[in-house]
Amino acid sequence: SIEGTPGSPYSGGIFHILIIIQDYPFKAPKFQFLTPIYHSNVNAHGEICLDILADWFSSCQTLVNLLRSLSSILDSPPLLDPMVPDIAELYVRDRGMWERNAREFTEGFAM
């Protein structure tokens, strides 16, 4: 699981993640959020769009580093290729509303 970063809309939340390491380190492991999260790079099924798991994966990357990368998107969501464009657009257009939505999701599902 990953804890929400203090001071973020995810603060206080515990987000459970399924990690499938079937072909690791030859292929990137698969990560899936089991806890619903309001995030531009995680869809309603918990599937994650993270470039380090797709385009930039190499067999030298440790699971710890991959988890750090996953945790870092909670603090700073990549907006160039979002899995949920509406959430990414709201993040840019109305950050306050995005934060309220993310906080409500966190309180409703991760606490």
PDB file of N, CA and C in Angstrom:
ATOM      1  N   SER A   1       0.839  -1.187   0.000  1.00  0.00           N
ATOM      2  CA  SER A   1       0.000   0.000   0.000  1.00  0.00           C
ATOM      3  C   SER A   1       0.883   1.250   0.000  1.00  0.00           C
ATOM      4  N   ILE A   2       0.288   2.345  -0.430  1.00  0.00           N
ATOM      5  CA  ILE A   2       0.957   3.638  -0.453  1.00  0.00           C
ATOM      6  C   ILE A   2       0.137   4.590   0.405  1.00  0.00           C
ATOM      7  N   GLU A   3       0.835   5.362   1.227  1.00  0.00           N
ATOM      8  CA  GLU A   3       0.162   6.375   2.036  1.00  0.00           C
ATOM      9  C   GLU A   3       0.148   7.687   1.278  1.00  0.00           C
ATOM     10  N   GLY A   4      -0.964   8.408   1.395  1.00  0.00           N
ATOM     11  CA  GLY A   4      -1.042   9.731   0.787  1.00  0.00           C
ATOM     12  C   GLY A   4      -0.043  10.673   1.441  1.00  0.00           C
ATOM     13  N   THR A   5       0.547  11.538   0.636  1.00  0.00           N
ATOM     14  CA  THR A   5       1.546  12.480   1.118  1.00  0.00           C
ATOM     15  C   THR A   5       0.897  13.534   2.014  1.00  0.00           C
ATOM     16  N   PRO A   6       1.483  13.794   3.194  1.00  0.00           N
ATOM     17  CA  PRO A   6       0.952  14.846   4.064  1.00  0.00           C
ATOM     18  C   PRO A   6       0.874  16.181   3.313  1.00  0.00           C
ATOM     19  N   GLY A   7      -0.212  16.893   3.518  1.00  0.00           N
ATOM     20  CA  GLY A   7      -0.402  18.187   2.866  1.00  0.00           C
ATOM     21  C   GLY A   7      -1.033  18.095   1.479  1.00  0.00           C
ATOM     22  N   SER A   8      -1.189  16.890   0.974  1.00  0.00           N
ATOM     23  CA  SER A   8      -1.809  16.698  -0.338  1.00  0.00           C
ATOM     24  C   SER A   8      -3.274  16.308  -0.143  1.00  0.00           C
ATOM     25  N   PRO A   9      -4.071  16.327  -1.209  1.00  0.00           N
ATOM     26  CA  PRO A   9      -5.464  15.877  -1.069  1.00  0.00           C
ATOM     27  C   PRO A   9      -5.568  14.398  -0.703  1.00  0.00           C
ATOM     28  N   TYR A  10      -4.470  13.663  -0.862  1.00  0.00           N
ATOM     29  CA  TYR A  10      -4.454  12.238  -0.543  1.00  0.00           C
ATOM     30  C   TYR A  10      -3.979  11.966   0.886  1.00  0.00           C
ATOM     31  N   SER A  11      -3.655  13.024   1.625  1.00  0.00           N
ATOM     32  CA  SER A  11      -3.136  12.900   2.984  1.00  0.00           C
ATOM     33  C   SER A  11      -4.086  12.104   3.871  1.00  0.00           C
ATOM     34  N   GLY A  12      -3.531  11.164   4.611  1.00  0.00           N
ATOM     35  CA  GLY A  12      -4.314  10.327   5.512  1.00  0.00           C
ATOM     36  C   GLY A  12      -4.897   9.094   4.852  1.00  0.00           C
ATOM     37  N   GLY A  13      -4.818   9.042   3.538  1.00  0.00           N
ATOM     38  CA  GLY A  13      -5.364   7.892   2.824  1.00  0.00           C
ATOM     39  C   GLY A  13      -4.358   6.759   2.721  1.00  0.00           C
ATOM     40  N   ILE A  14      -4.876   5.563   2.724  1.00  0.00           N
ATOM     41  CA  ILE A  14      -4.070   4.367   2.496  1.00  0.00           C
ATOM     42  C   ILE A  14      -4.603   3.745   1.204  1.00  0.00           C
ATOM     43  N   PHE A  15      -3.725   3.665   0.199  1.00  0.00           N
ATOM     44  CA  PHE A  15      -4.122   3.167  -1.108  1.00  0.00           C
ATOM     45  C   PHE A  15      -3.488   1.800  -1.331  1.00  0.00           C
ATOM     46  N   HIS A  16      -4.337   0.802  -1.404  1.00  0.00           N
ATOM     47  CA  HIS A  16      -3.864  -0.571  -1.600  1.00  0.00           C
ATOM     48  C   HIS A  16      -3.621  -0.807  -3.084  1.00  0.00           C
ATOM     49  N   ILE A  17      -2.531  -1.476  -3.365  1.00  0.00           N
ATOM     50  CA  ILE A  17      -2.104  -1.707  -4.745  1.00  0.00           C
ATOM     51  C   ILE A  17      -1.796  -3.179  -4.941  1.00  0.00           C
ATOM     52  N   LEU A  18      -2.278  -3.708  -6.043  1.00  0.00           N
ATOM     53  CA  LEU A  18      -1.947  -5.073  -6.448  1.00  0.00           C
ATOM     54  C   LEU A  18      -0.715  -4.987  -7.335  1.00  0.00           C
ATOM     55  N   ILE A  19       0.291  -5.804  -7.030  1.00  0.00           N
ATOM     56  CA  ILE A  19       1.515  -5.837  -7.837  1.00  0.00           C
ATOM     57  C   ILE A  19       1.652  -7.244  -8.404  1.00  0.00           C
ATOM     58  N   ILE A  20       1.693  -7.328  -9.718  1.00  0.00           N
ATOM     59  CA  ILE A  20       1.875  -8.620 -10.388  1.00  0.00           C
ATOM     60  C   ILE A  20       3.277  -8.627 -10.973  1.00  0.00           C
ATOM     61  N   ILE A  21       4.103  -9.540 -10.478  1.00  0.00           N
ATOM     62  CA  ILE A  21       5.509  -9.566 -10.883  1.00  0.00           C
ATOM     63  C   ILE A  21       5.845 -10.840 -11.660  1.00  0.00           C
ATOM     64  N   GLN A  22       4.907 -11.297 -12.431  1.00  0.00           N
ATOM     65  CA  GLN A  22       5.029 -12.570 -13.133  1.00  0.00           C
ATOM     66  C   GLN A  22       6.314 -12.696 -13.957  1.00  0.00           C
ATOM     67  N   ASP A  23       6.643 -11.722 -14.794  1.00  0.00           N
ATOM     68  CA  ASP A  23       7.828 -11.812 -15.649  1.00  0.00           C
ATOM     69  C   ASP A  23       8.927 -10.834 -15.249  1.00  0.00           C
ATOM     70  N   TYR A  24       8.790 -10.205 -14.089  1.00  0.00           N
ATOM     71  CA  TYR A  24       9.803  -9.276 -13.595  1.00  0.00           C
ATOM     72  C   TYR A  24      11.070 -10.047 -13.262  1.00  0.00           C
ATOM     73  N   PRO A  25      12.260  -9.602 -13.611  1.00  0.00           N
ATOM     74  CA  PRO A  25      12.622  -8.283 -14.117  1.00  0.00           C
ATOM     75  C   PRO A  25      12.680  -8.180 -15.653  1.00  0.00           C
ATOM     76  N   PHE A  26      12.238  -9.191 -16.350  1.00  0.00           N
ATOM     77  CA  PHE A  26      12.328  -9.156 -17.813  1.00  0.00           C
ATOM     78  C   PHE A  26      11.245  -8.284 -18.430  1.00  0.00           C
ATOM     79  N   LYS A  27      10.131  -8.156 -17.745  1.00  0.00           N
ATOM     80  CA  LYS A  27       9.045  -7.258 -18.142  1.00  0.00           C
ATOM     81  C   LYS A  27       8.632  -6.459 -16.921  1.00  0.00           C
ATOM     82  N   ALA A  28       8.117  -5.284 -17.187  1.00  0.00           N
ATOM     83  CA  ALA A  28       7.671  -4.435 -16.076  1.00  0.00           C
ATOM     84  C   ALA A  28       6.571  -5.128 -15.282  1.00  0.00           C
ATOM     85  N   PRO A  29       6.610  -5.000 -13.966  1.00  0.00           N
ATOM     86  CA  PRO A  29       5.494  -5.536 -13.179  1.00  0.00           C
ATOM     87  C   PRO A  29       4.238  -4.729 -13.478  1.00  0.00           C
ATOM     88  N   LYS A  30       3.100  -5.296 -13.164  1.00  0.00           N
ATOM     89  CA  LYS A  30       1.843  -4.574 -13.339  1.00  0.00           C
ATOM     90  C   LYS A  30       1.377  -4.108 -11.972  1.00  0.00           C
ATOM     91  N   PHE A  31       0.990  -2.863 -11.923  1.00  0.00           N
ATOM     92  CA  PHE A  31       0.456  -2.268 -10.702  1.00  0.00           C
ATOM     93  C   PHE A  31      -0.998  -1.907 -10.954  1.00  0.00           C
ATOM     94  N   GLN A  32      -1.831  -2.149  -9.948  1.00  0.00           N
ATOM     95  CA  GLN A  32      -3.235  -1.782 -10.057  1.00  0.00           C
ATOM     96  C   GLN A  32      -3.708  -1.271  -8.704  1.00  0.00           C
ATOM     97  N   PHE A  33      -4.293  -0.085  -8.701  1.00  0.00           N
ATOM     98  CA  PHE A  33      -4.875   0.434  -7.466  1.00  0.00           C
ATOM     99  C   PHE A  33      -6.114  -0.372  -7.146  1.00  0.00           C
ATOM    100  N   LEU A  34      -6.162  -0.937  -5.955  1.00  0.00           N
ATOM    101  CA  LEU A  34      -7.361  -1.627  -5.481  1.00  0.00           C
ATOM    102  C   LEU A  34      -8.286  -0.646  -4.768  1.00  0.00           C
ATOM    103  N   THR A  35      -7.699   0.399  -4.219  1.00  0.00           N
ATOM    104  CA  THR A  35      -8.452   1.473  -3.588  1.00  0.00           C
ATOM    105  C   THR A  35      -8.754   2.519  -4.655  1.00  0.00           C
ATOM    106  N   PRO A  36     -10.014   2.883  -4.851  1.00  0.00           N
ATOM    107  CA  PRO A  36     -10.320   3.933  -5.828  1.00  0.00           C
ATOM    108  C   PRO A  36      -9.574   5.224  -5.491  1.00  0.00           C
ATOM    109  N   ILE A  37      -9.102   5.891  -6.535  1.00  0.00           N
ATOM    110  CA  ILE A  37      -8.362   7.138  -6.358  1.00  0.00           C
ATOM    111  C   ILE A  37      -8.735   8.093  -7.477  1.00  0.00           C
ATOM    112  N   TYR A  38      -8.850   9.358  -7.142  1.00  0.00           N
ATOM    113  CA  TYR A  38      -9.153  10.403  -8.122  1.00  0.00           C
ATOM    114  C   TYR A  38      -7.823  10.904  -8.665  1.00  0.00           C
ATOM    115  N   HIS A  39      -7.462  10.419  -9.838  1.00  0.00           N
ATOM    116  CA  HIS A  39      -6.148  10.750 -10.399  1.00  0.00           C
ATOM    117  C   HIS A  39      -6.186  10.632 -11.914  1.00  0.00           C
ATOM    118  N   SER A  40      -5.500  11.530 -12.587  1.00  0.00           N
ATOM    119  CA  SER A  40      -5.512  11.556 -14.054  1.00  0.00           C
ATOM    120  C   SER A  40      -4.790  10.375 -14.691  1.00  0.00           C
ATOM    121  N   ASN A  41      -3.976   9.676 -13.940  1.00  0.00           N
ATOM    122  CA  ASN A  41      -3.222   8.553 -14.497  1.00  0.00           C
ATOM    123  C   ASN A  41      -3.695   7.194 -13.979  1.00  0.00           C
ATOM    124  N   VAL A  42      -4.852   7.175 -13.337  1.00  0.00           N
ATOM    125  CA  VAL A  42      -5.432   5.923 -12.839  1.00  0.00           C
ATOM    126  C   VAL A  42      -6.908   5.903 -13.251  1.00  0.00           C
ATOM    127  N   ASN A  43      -7.293   4.868 -13.996  1.00  0.00           N
ATOM    128  CA  ASN A  43      -8.682   4.816 -14.443  1.00  0.00           C
ATOM    129  C   ASN A  43      -9.590   4.172 -13.384  1.00  0.00           C
ATOM    130  N   ALA A  44     -10.865   4.047 -13.718  1.00  0.00           N
ATOM    131  CA  ALA A  44     -11.861   3.532 -12.765  1.00  0.00           C
ATOM    132  C   ALA A  44     -11.613   2.079 -12.372  1.00  0.00           C
ATOM    133  N   HIS A  45     -10.825   1.363 -13.153  1.00  0.00           N
ATOM    134  CA  HIS A  45     -10.491  -0.033 -12.841  1.00  0.00           C
ATOM    135  C   HIS A  45      -9.185  -0.145 -12.056  1.00  0.00           C
ATOM    136  N   GLY A  46      -8.562   0.997 -11.749  1.00  0.00           N
ATOM    137  CA  GLY A  46      -7.312   0.999 -11.004  1.00  0.00           C
ATOM    138  C   GLY A  46      -6.079   0.831 -11.863  1.00  0.00           C
ATOM    139  N   GLU A  47      -6.265   0.753 -13.178  1.00  0.00           N
ATOM    140  CA  GLU A  47      -5.121   0.603 -14.080  1.00  0.00           C
ATOM    141  C   GLU A  47      -4.343   1.908 -14.127  1.00  0.00           C
ATOM    142  N   ILE A  48      -3.018   1.774 -14.212  1.00  0.00           N
ATOM    143  CA  ILE A  48      -2.131   2.926 -14.087  1.00  0.00           C
ATOM    144  C   ILE A  48      -1.413   3.195 -15.401  1.00  0.00           C
ATOM    145  N   CYS A  49      -1.373   4.472 -15.761  1.00  0.00           N
ATOM    146  CA  CYS A  49      -0.592   4.921 -16.911  1.00  0.00           C
ATOM    147  C   CYS A  49       0.647   5.620 -16.347  1.00  0.00           C
ATOM    148  N   LEU A  50       1.770   4.945 -16.438  1.00  0.00           N
ATOM    149  CA  LEU A  50       3.018   5.482 -15.894  1.00  0.00           C
ATOM    150  C   LEU A  50       4.135   5.120 -16.854  1.00  0.00           C
ATOM    151  N   ASP A  51       4.796   6.126 -17.403  1.00  0.00           N
ATOM    152  CA  ASP A  51       5.793   5.877 -18.450  1.00  0.00           C
ATOM    153  C   ASP A  51       6.924   4.954 -18.017  1.00  0.00           C
ATOM    154  N   ILE A  52       7.283   4.970 -16.756  1.00  0.00           N
ATOM    155  CA  ILE A  52       8.368   4.102 -16.292  1.00  0.00           C
ATOM    156  C   ILE A  52       7.973   2.623 -16.338  1.00  0.00           C
ATOM    157  N   LEU A  53       6.672   2.357 -16.383  1.00  0.00           N
ATOM    158  CA  LEU A  53       6.206   0.969 -16.495  1.00  0.00           C
ATOM    159  C   LEU A  53       6.021   0.549 -17.950  1.00  0.00           C
ATOM    160  N   ALA A  54       6.046   1.500 -18.831  1.00  0.00           N
ATOM    161  CA  ALA A  54       5.823   1.176 -20.249  1.00  0.00           C
ATOM    162  C   ALA A  54       7.058   1.514 -21.070  1.00  0.00           C
ATOM    163  N   ASP A  55       7.223   2.768 -21.376  1.00  0.00           N
ATOM    164  CA  ASP A  55       8.267   3.204 -22.311  1.00  0.00           C
ATOM    165  C   ASP A  55       9.684   3.160 -21.737  1.00  0.00           C
ATOM    166  N   TRP A  56       9.833   3.425 -20.451  1.00  0.00           N
ATOM    167  CA  TRP A  56      11.172   3.569 -19.877  1.00  0.00           C
ATOM    168  C   TRP A  56      11.603   2.406 -19.000  1.00  0.00           C
ATOM    169  N   PHE A  57      10.889   1.318 -19.022  1.00  0.00           N
ATOM    170  CA  PHE A  57      11.240   0.214 -18.133  1.00  0.00           C
ATOM    171  C   PHE A  57      12.533  -0.464 -18.572  1.00  0.00           C
ATOM    172  N   SER A  58      13.367  -0.787 -17.595  1.00  0.00           N
ATOM    173  CA  SER A  58      14.544  -1.620 -17.841  1.00  0.00           C
ATOM    174  C   SER A  58      14.662  -2.607 -16.683  1.00  0.00           C
ATOM    175  N   SER A  59      15.318  -3.715 -16.950  1.00  0.00           N
ATOM    176  CA  SER A  59      15.416  -4.777 -15.943  1.00  0.00           C
ATOM    177  C   SER A  59      16.255  -4.371 -14.728  1.00  0.00           C
ATOM    178  N   CYS A  60      16.978  -3.256 -14.794  1.00  0.00           N
ATOM    179  CA  CYS A  60      17.774  -2.817 -13.633  1.00  0.00           C
ATOM    180  C   CYS A  60      16.941  -2.076 -12.600  1.00  0.00           C
ATOM    181  N   GLN A  61      15.708  -1.727 -12.939  1.00  0.00           N
ATOM    182  CA  GLN A  61      14.879  -0.992 -11.994  1.00  0.00           C
ATOM    183  C   GLN A  61      14.355  -1.930 -10.906  1.00  0.00           C
ATOM    184  N   THR A  62      14.523  -1.486  -9.685  1.00  0.00           N
ATOM    185  CA  THR A  62      14.055  -2.291  -8.559  1.00  0.00           C
ATOM    186  C   THR A  62      12.586  -2.003  -8.288  1.00  0.00           C
ATOM    187  N   LEU A  63      11.946  -2.923  -7.609  1.00  0.00           N
ATOM    188  CA  LEU A  63      10.551  -2.703  -7.223  1.00  0.00           C
ATOM    189  C   LEU A  63      10.418  -1.470  -6.323  1.00  0.00           C
ATOM    190  N   VAL A  64      11.418  -1.242  -5.487  1.00  0.00           N
ATOM    191  CA  VAL A  64      11.391  -0.069  -4.606  1.00  0.00           C
ATOM    192  C   VAL A  64      11.374   1.211  -5.439  1.00  0.00           C
ATOM    193  N   ASN A  65      12.220   1.281  -6.470  1.00  0.00           N
ATOM    194  CA  ASN A  65      12.247   2.471  -7.324  1.00  0.00           C
ATOM    195  C   ASN A  65      10.938   2.639  -8.089  1.00  0.00           C
ATOM    196  N   LEU A  66      10.371   1.542  -8.548  1.00  0.00           N
ATOM    197  CA  LEU A  66       9.104   1.618  -9.254  1.00  0.00           C
ATOM    198  C   LEU A  66       7.985   2.099  -8.330  1.00  0.00           C
ATOM    199  N   LEU A  67       7.997   1.628  -7.084  1.00  0.00           N
ATOM    200  CA  LEU A  67       7.001   2.096  -6.109  1.00  0.00           C
ATOM    201  C   LEU A  67       7.191   3.571  -5.782  1.00  0.00           C
ATOM    202  N   ARG A  68       8.444   4.025  -5.720  1.00  0.00           N
ATOM    203  CA  ARG A  68       8.713   5.455  -5.498  1.00  0.00           C
ATOM    204  C   ARG A  68       8.153   6.284  -6.649  1.00  0.00           C
ATOM    205  N   SER A  69       8.353   5.792  -7.870  1.00  0.00           N
ATOM    206  CA  SER A  69       7.811   6.503  -9.038  1.00  0.00           C
ATOM    207  C   SER A  69       6.297   6.563  -8.976  1.00  0.00           C
ATOM    208  N   LEU A  70       5.706   5.464  -8.591  1.00  0.00           N
ATOM    209  CA  LEU A  70       4.251   5.418  -8.466  1.00  0.00           C
ATOM    210  C   LEU A  70       3.783   6.396  -7.396  1.00  0.00           C
ATOM    211  N   SER A  71       4.466   6.412  -6.277  1.00  0.00           N
ATOM    212  CA  SER A  71       4.118   7.325  -5.197  1.00  0.00           C
ATOM    213  C   SER A  71       4.290   8.782  -5.627  1.00  0.00           C
ATOM    214  N   SER A  72       5.304   9.067  -6.453  1.00  0.00           N
ATOM    215  CA  SER A  72       5.578  10.444  -6.867  1.00  0.00           C
ATOM    216  C   SER A  72       4.477  11.016  -7.750  1.00  0.00           C
ATOM    217  N   ILE A  73       3.730  10.167  -8.478  1.00  0.00           N
ATOM    218  CA  ILE A  73       2.658  10.715  -9.307  1.00  0.00           C
ATOM    219  C   ILE A  73       1.498  11.231  -8.462  1.00  0.00           C
ATOM    220  N   LEU A  74       1.432  10.808  -7.194  1.00  0.00           N
ATOM    221  CA  LEU A  74       0.409  11.356  -6.320  1.00  0.00           C
ATOM    222  C   LEU A  74       0.709  12.816  -6.002  1.00  0.00           C
ATOM    223  N   ASP A  75       1.977  13.155  -5.896  1.00  0.00           N
ATOM    224  CA  ASP A  75       2.379  14.529  -5.596  1.00  0.00           C
ATOM    225  C   ASP A  75       2.384  15.407  -6.839  1.00  0.00           C
ATOM    226  N   SER A  76       2.735  14.818  -7.974  1.00  0.00           N
ATOM    227  CA  SER A  76       2.907  15.590  -9.191  1.00  0.00           C
ATOM    228  C   SER A  76       2.443  14.768 -10.390  1.00  0.00           C
ATOM    229  N   PRO A  77       1.145  14.806 -10.685  1.00  0.00           N
ATOM    230  CA  PRO A  77       0.625  13.964 -11.764  1.00  0.00           C
ATOM    231  C   PRO A  77       1.177  14.375 -13.132  1.00  0.00           C
ATOM    232  N   PRO A  78       1.666  13.411 -13.907  1.00  0.00           N
ATOM    233  CA  PRO A  78       2.094  13.723 -15.269  1.00  0.00           C
ATOM    234  C   PRO A  78       0.851  14.052 -16.105  1.00  0.00           C
ATOM    235  N   LEU A  79       0.871  15.173 -16.802  1.00  0.00           N
ATOM    236  CA  LEU A  79      -0.317  15.641 -17.502  1.00  0.00           C
ATOM    237  C   LEU A  79      -0.235  15.507 -19.018  1.00  0.00           C
ATOM    238  N   LEU A  80       0.915  15.092 -19.538  1.00  0.00           N
ATOM    239  CA  LEU A  80       1.078  15.033 -20.991  1.00  0.00           C
ATOM    240  C   LEU A  80       0.279  13.917 -21.641  1.00  0.00           C
ATOM    241  N   ASP A  81       0.162  12.786 -20.982  1.00  0.00           N
ATOM    242  CA  ASP A  81      -0.551  11.649 -21.560  1.00  0.00           C
ATOM    243  C   ASP A  81      -1.421  10.999 -20.479  1.00  0.00           C
ATOM    244  N   PRO A  82      -2.456  11.716 -20.036  1.00  0.00           N
ATOM    245  CA  PRO A  82      -3.268  11.190 -18.941  1.00  0.00           C
ATOM    246  C   PRO A  82      -4.163  10.043 -19.384  1.00  0.00           C
ATOM    247  N   MET A  83      -4.451   9.165 -18.452  1.00  0.00           N
ATOM    248  CA  MET A  83      -5.382   8.071 -18.709  1.00  0.00           C
ATOM    249  C   MET A  83      -6.830   8.576 -18.596  1.00  0.00           C
ATOM    250  N   VAL A  84      -7.025   9.601 -17.773  1.00  0.00           N
ATOM    251  CA  VAL A  84      -8.348  10.203 -17.591  1.00  0.00           C
ATOM    252  C   VAL A  84      -8.210  11.707 -17.904  1.00  0.00           C
ATOM    253  N   PRO A  85      -8.381  12.086 -19.179  1.00  0.00           N
ATOM    254  CA  PRO A  85      -8.146  13.474 -19.597  1.00  0.00           C
ATOM    255  C   PRO A  85      -8.982  14.512 -18.851  1.00  0.00           C
ATOM    256  N   ASP A  86     -10.215  14.180 -18.471  1.00  0.00           N
ATOM    257  CA  ASP A  86     -11.059  15.156 -17.762  1.00  0.00           C
ATOM    258  C   ASP A  86     -10.454  15.567 -16.421  1.00  0.00           C
ATOM    259  N   ILE A  87      -9.850  14.611 -15.731  1.00  0.00           N
ATOM    260  CA  ILE A  87      -9.229  14.919 -14.440  1.00  0.00           C
ATOM    261  C   ILE A  87      -7.975  15.760 -14.654  1.00  0.00           C
ATOM    262  N   ALA A  88      -7.193  15.447 -15.681  1.00  0.00           N
ATOM    263  CA  ALA A  88      -5.992  16.233 -15.985  1.00  0.00           C
ATOM    264  C   ALA A  88      -6.376  17.665 -16.361  1.00  0.00           C
ATOM    265  N   GLU A  89      -7.441  17.816 -17.138  1.00  0.00           N
ATOM    266  CA  GLU A  89      -7.892  19.146 -17.549  1.00  0.00           C
ATOM    267  C   GLU A  89      -8.338  19.965 -16.344  1.00  0.00           C
ATOM    268  N   LEU A  90      -9.063  19.330 -15.415  1.00  0.00           N
ATOM    269  CA  LEU A  90      -9.499  20.032 -14.215  1.00  0.00           C
ATOM    270  C   LEU A  90      -8.299  20.436 -13.360  1.00  0.00           C
ATOM    271  N   TYR A  91      -7.284  19.598 -13.285  1.00  0.00           N
ATOM    272  CA  TYR A  91      -6.065  19.901 -12.527  1.00  0.00           C
ATOM    273  C   TYR A  91      -5.446  21.195 -13.029  1.00  0.00           C
ATOM    274  N   VAL A  92      -5.447  21.384 -14.350  1.00  0.00           N
ATOM    275  CA  VAL A  92      -4.852  22.578 -14.951  1.00  0.00           C
ATOM    276  C   VAL A  92      -5.800  23.775 -14.846  1.00  0.00           C
ATOM    277  N   ARG A  93      -7.084  23.555 -15.120  1.00  0.00           N
ATOM    278  CA  ARG A  93      -8.073  24.635 -15.225  1.00  0.00           C
ATOM    279  C   ARG A  93      -8.540  25.159 -13.865  1.00  0.00           C
ATOM    280  N   ASP A  94      -8.760  24.245 -12.906  1.00  0.00           N
ATOM    281  CA  ASP A  94      -9.318  24.641 -11.608  1.00  0.00           C
ATOM    282  C   ASP A  94      -8.716  23.745 -10.520  1.00  0.00           C
ATOM    283  N   ARG A  95      -7.535  24.094 -10.106  1.00  0.00           N
ATOM    284  CA  ARG A  95      -6.786  23.268  -9.154  1.00  0.00           C
ATOM    285  C   ARG A  95      -7.537  23.081  -7.841  1.00  0.00           C
ATOM    286  N   GLY A  96      -8.238  24.129  -7.404  1.00  0.00           N
ATOM    287  CA  GLY A  96      -8.993  24.029  -6.150  1.00  0.00           C
ATOM    288  C   GLY A  96     -10.090  22.976  -6.230  1.00  0.00           C
ATOM    289  N   MET A  97     -10.816  22.942  -7.332  1.00  0.00           N
ATOM    290  CA  MET A  97     -11.876  21.942  -7.517  1.00  0.00           C
ATOM    291  C   MET A  97     -11.265  20.548  -7.614  1.00  0.00           C
ATOM    292  N   TRP A  98     -10.132  20.436  -8.323  1.00  0.00           N
ATOM    293  CA  TRP A  98      -9.445  19.143  -8.432  1.00  0.00           C
ATOM    294  C   TRP A  98      -9.065  18.650  -7.031  1.00  0.00           C
ATOM    295  N   GLU A  99      -8.504  19.530  -6.213  1.00  0.00           N
ATOM    296  CA  GLU A  99      -8.104  19.145  -4.857  1.00  0.00           C
ATOM    297  C   GLU A  99      -9.306  18.707  -4.024  1.00  0.00           C
ATOM    298  N   ARG A 100     -10.443  19.418  -4.141  1.00  0.00           N
ATOM    299  CA  ARG A 100     -11.646  19.021  -3.397  1.00  0.00           C
ATOM    300  C   ARG A 100     -12.122  17.633  -3.838  1.00  0.00           C
ATOM    301  N   ASN A 101     -12.136  17.409  -5.144  1.00  0.00           N
ATOM    302  CA  ASN A 101     -12.564  16.100  -5.655  1.00  0.00           C
ATOM    303  C   ASN A 101     -11.642  14.984  -5.166  1.00  0.00           C
ATOM    304  N   ALA A 102     -10.328  15.231  -5.250  1.00  0.00           N
ATOM    305  CA  ALA A 102      -9.352  14.221  -4.816  1.00  0.00           C
ATOM    306  C   ALA A 102      -9.492  13.958  -3.317  1.00  0.00           C
ATOM    307  N   ARG A 103      -9.728  15.002  -2.541  1.00  0.00           N
ATOM    308  CA  ARG A 103      -9.877  14.848  -1.089  1.00  0.00           C
ATOM    309  C   ARG A 103     -11.142  14.057  -0.757  1.00  0.00           C
ATOM    310  N   GLU A 104     -12.246  14.364  -1.453  1.00  0.00           N
ATOM    311  CA  GLU A 104     -13.495  13.630  -1.212  1.00  0.00           C
ATOM    312  C   GLU A 104     -13.336  12.141  -1.543  1.00  0.00           C
ATOM    313  N   PHE A 105     -12.666  11.840  -2.655  1.00  0.00           N
ATOM    314  CA  PHE A 105     -12.414  10.444  -3.009  1.00  0.00           C
ATOM    315  C   PHE A 105     -11.580   9.772  -1.932  1.00  0.00           C
ATOM    316  N   THR A 106     -10.532  10.469  -1.482  1.00  0.00           N
ATOM    317  CA  THR A 106      -9.647   9.911  -0.454  1.00  0.00           C
ATOM    318  C   THR A 106     -10.443   9.624   0.817  1.00  0.00           C
ATOM    319  N   GLU A 107     -11.236  10.587   1.255  1.00  0.00           N
ATOM    320  CA  GLU A 107     -12.032  10.393   2.474  1.00  0.00           C
ATOM    321  C   GLU A 107     -13.066   9.285   2.305  1.00  0.00           C
ATOM    322  N   GLY A 108     -13.621   9.158   1.112  1.00  0.00           N
ATOM    323  CA  GLY A 108     -14.663   8.176   0.878  1.00  0.00           C
ATOM    324  C   GLY A 108     -14.174   6.752   0.686  1.00  0.00           C
ATOM    325  N   PHE A 109     -12.944   6.605   0.178  1.00  0.00           N
ATOM    326  CA  PHE A 109     -12.474   5.263  -0.168  1.00  0.00           C
ATOM    327  C   PHE A 109     -11.190   4.821   0.527  1.00  0.00           C
ATOM    328  N   ALA A 110     -10.357   5.766   0.951  1.00  0.00           N
ATOM    329  CA  ALA A 110      -9.019   5.387   1.426  1.00  0.00           C
ATOM    330  C   ALA A 110      -8.807   5.590   2.926  1.00  0.00           C
ATOM    331  N   MET A 111      -9.832   5.979   3.630  1.00  0.00           N
ATOM    332  CA  MET A 111      -9.668   6.210   5.075  1.00  0.00           C
ATOM    333  C   MET A 111     -10.554   5.266   5.871  1.00  0.00           C
TER     334      MET A 111
END
